[in-house]
Amino acid sequence: MSALQGFYKIKIMQTGTPRFSVFLSWLAFLGLLVFALFIAWDKGWLMTVWTSDLSRLSIVISLSFVVATLFAGWRAFDISRQIEFVVLAQDSNPTVPDSIVFWHFSNLQQKAKAGTALLNSE
C-alpha cells in the first residue's frame, strides 16, 4: 500500500444515494414549476399578467427565468456528472507512479503525521 493511497480520497456520495442526485433534485423542482405554470395557465393568470403589462417587462422577466432555470439544470447535470466521475475514480483505486512529486507529497504526509517538523523544511 502506497503512502498516498487514500490520502486524497473524499467521500462525496454515501451508500444508498441515487446517481445524479443533484440533477434529479433540479428535475423535481422543474416538475413543480411546470405544474404551477400549468395551473396558472389554466386559471388564466398568465394571460392576465402578460396582457395587462403595458411595458412588457413581465415577458422579459419570464423569459429570463426560463433561461436561468435551464442553465441551472445544465449546471446540475454537469455537477452530477463530475460527482459520478469522482466516485468512479475512487472505486477504481488507481496507483500513483513513482516520481519526484510522489516523493515530495509522501514526505509531506509523513511530516504531517509526525508533527515534528515544518512542512516546508527538508
Protein backbone atom coordinates (compact mmCIF):
# COMPACT_ATOMS: atom_id res chain seq x y z
CA MET A 1 0.00 0.00 0.00
CA SER A 2 1.49 3.33 -1.03
CA ALA A 3 1.87 6.25 1.33
CA LEU A 4 -0.60 8.41 -0.55
CA GLN A 5 -3.23 5.77 -1.12
CA GLY A 6 -6.35 7.16 0.46
CA PHE A 7 -4.66 10.50 1.20
CA TYR A 8 -6.76 12.48 -1.26
CA LYS A 9 -9.89 10.37 -1.14
CA ILE A 10 -13.05 12.29 -0.47
CA LYS A 11 -16.37 10.83 0.41
CA ILE A 12 -18.97 12.67 -1.60
CA MET A 13 -21.75 10.17 -2.01
CA GLN A 14 -22.83 7.87 0.76
CA THR A 15 -24.14 4.42 0.08
CA GLY A 16 -27.78 4.46 -0.93
CA THR A 17 -27.60 7.90 -2.55
CA PRO A 18 -29.02 7.71 -6.09
CA ARG A 19 -26.81 8.51 -9.04
CA PHE A 20 -27.13 12.07 -10.37
CA SER A 21 -28.95 13.19 -7.21
CA VAL A 22 -28.25 16.89 -7.84
CA PHE A 23 -29.76 16.68 -11.31
CA LEU A 24 -32.72 14.68 -10.02
CA SER A 25 -33.37 17.37 -7.40
CA TRP A 26 -33.41 20.01 -10.13
CA LEU A 27 -35.69 17.80 -12.22
CA ALA A 28 -38.15 17.54 -9.32
CA PHE A 29 -38.03 21.32 -8.96
CA LEU A 30 -38.69 21.67 -12.70
CA GLY A 31 -41.67 19.34 -12.40
CA LEU A 32 -43.16 21.56 -9.69
CA LEU A 33 -42.55 24.64 -11.84
CA VAL A 34 -44.25 23.07 -14.86
CA PHE A 35 -47.21 22.05 -12.70
CA ALA A 36 -47.51 25.58 -11.27
CA LEU A 37 -47.21 27.02 -14.78
CA PHE A 38 -50.00 24.73 -16.00
CA ILE A 39 -52.27 25.77 -13.13
CA ALA A 40 -51.55 29.45 -13.77
CA TRP A 41 -52.25 28.99 -17.50
CA ASP A 42 -55.45 27.03 -16.80
CA LYS A 43 -56.77 29.71 -14.43
CA GLY A 44 -55.88 32.46 -16.90
CA TRP A 45 -53.41 34.17 -14.59
CA LEU A 46 -50.56 34.16 -17.11
CA MET A 47 -52.58 35.87 -19.82
CA THR A 48 -53.91 38.39 -17.31
CA VAL A 49 -50.40 39.35 -16.22
CA TRP A 50 -48.99 39.47 -19.75
CA THR A 51 -51.87 41.41 -21.32
CA SER A 52 -52.20 43.95 -18.52
CA ASP A 53 -48.47 44.76 -18.50
CA LEU A 54 -48.02 47.69 -20.88
CA SER A 55 -44.23 47.77 -20.58
CA ARG A 56 -43.93 44.06 -21.47
CA LEU A 57 -41.44 43.70 -18.64
CA SER A 58 -43.22 40.61 -17.33
CA ILE A 59 -42.44 38.78 -20.59
CA VAL A 60 -38.76 39.69 -20.27
CA ILE A 61 -38.73 38.52 -16.66
CA SER A 62 -40.49 35.28 -17.62
CA LEU A 63 -38.02 34.55 -20.40
CA SER A 64 -35.09 35.38 -18.12
CA PHE A 65 -36.49 32.99 -15.52
CA VAL A 66 -36.82 30.20 -18.09
CA VAL A 67 -33.25 30.73 -19.33
CA ALA A 68 -31.87 30.82 -15.77
CA THR A 69 -33.79 27.66 -14.85
CA LEU A 70 -32.47 25.80 -17.90
CA PHE A 71 -28.94 27.00 -17.13
CA ALA A 72 -29.31 25.76 -13.55
CA GLY A 73 -30.41 22.38 -14.90
CA TRP A 74 -27.41 22.21 -17.20
CA ARG A 75 -25.08 23.03 -14.30
CA ALA A 76 -26.83 20.48 -12.04
CA PHE A 77 -26.28 17.83 -14.70
CA ASP A 78 -22.63 18.82 -15.06
CA ILE A 79 -22.06 18.75 -11.29
CA SER A 80 -23.76 15.35 -11.05
CA ARG A 81 -21.56 14.05 -13.83
CA GLN A 82 -18.42 15.32 -12.06
CA ILE A 83 -19.52 13.66 -8.81
CA GLU A 84 -20.06 10.44 -10.72
CA PHE A 85 -16.52 10.67 -12.16
CA VAL A 86 -15.07 11.15 -8.67
CA VAL A 87 -17.00 8.18 -7.30
CA LEU A 88 -15.89 6.00 -10.21
CA ALA A 89 -12.28 7.13 -9.73
CA GLN A 90 -12.43 6.24 -6.04
CA ASP A 91 -13.81 2.81 -6.82
CA SER A 92 -11.12 2.06 -9.40
CA ASN A 93 -8.32 2.54 -6.80
CA PRO A 94 -5.65 3.97 -9.11
CA THR A 95 -1.99 3.64 -8.22
CA VAL A 96 0.35 6.60 -8.17
CA PRO A 97 3.59 6.13 -10.15
CA ASP A 98 6.93 6.80 -8.52
CA SER A 99 8.04 10.34 -9.27
CA ILE A 100 9.52 13.42 -7.65
CA VAL A 101 6.04 14.78 -6.94
CA PHE A 102 5.01 11.50 -5.31
CA TRP A 103 8.17 11.52 -3.19
CA HIS A 104 7.54 15.15 -2.14
CA PHE A 105 3.93 14.51 -1.11
CA SER A 106 4.95 11.32 0.69
CA ASN A 107 7.47 13.29 2.74
CA LEU A 108 4.90 15.99 3.48
CA GLN A 109 2.42 13.38 4.62
CA GLN A 110 4.99 11.69 6.89
CA LYS A 111 5.99 15.04 8.41
CA ALA A 112 2.36 15.97 8.97
CA LYS A 113 1.70 12.65 10.72
CA ALA A 114 4.82 13.00 12.86
CA GLY A 115 4.11 16.62 13.71
CA THR A 116 7.78 17.25 14.48
CA ALA A 117 8.96 19.40 11.57
CA LEU A 118 7.63 22.21 9.47
CA LEU A 119 6.04 21.01 6.27
CA ASN A 120 8.17 23.28 4.08
CA SER A 121 11.51 22.24 5.61
CA GLU A 122 13.74 19.42 4.36
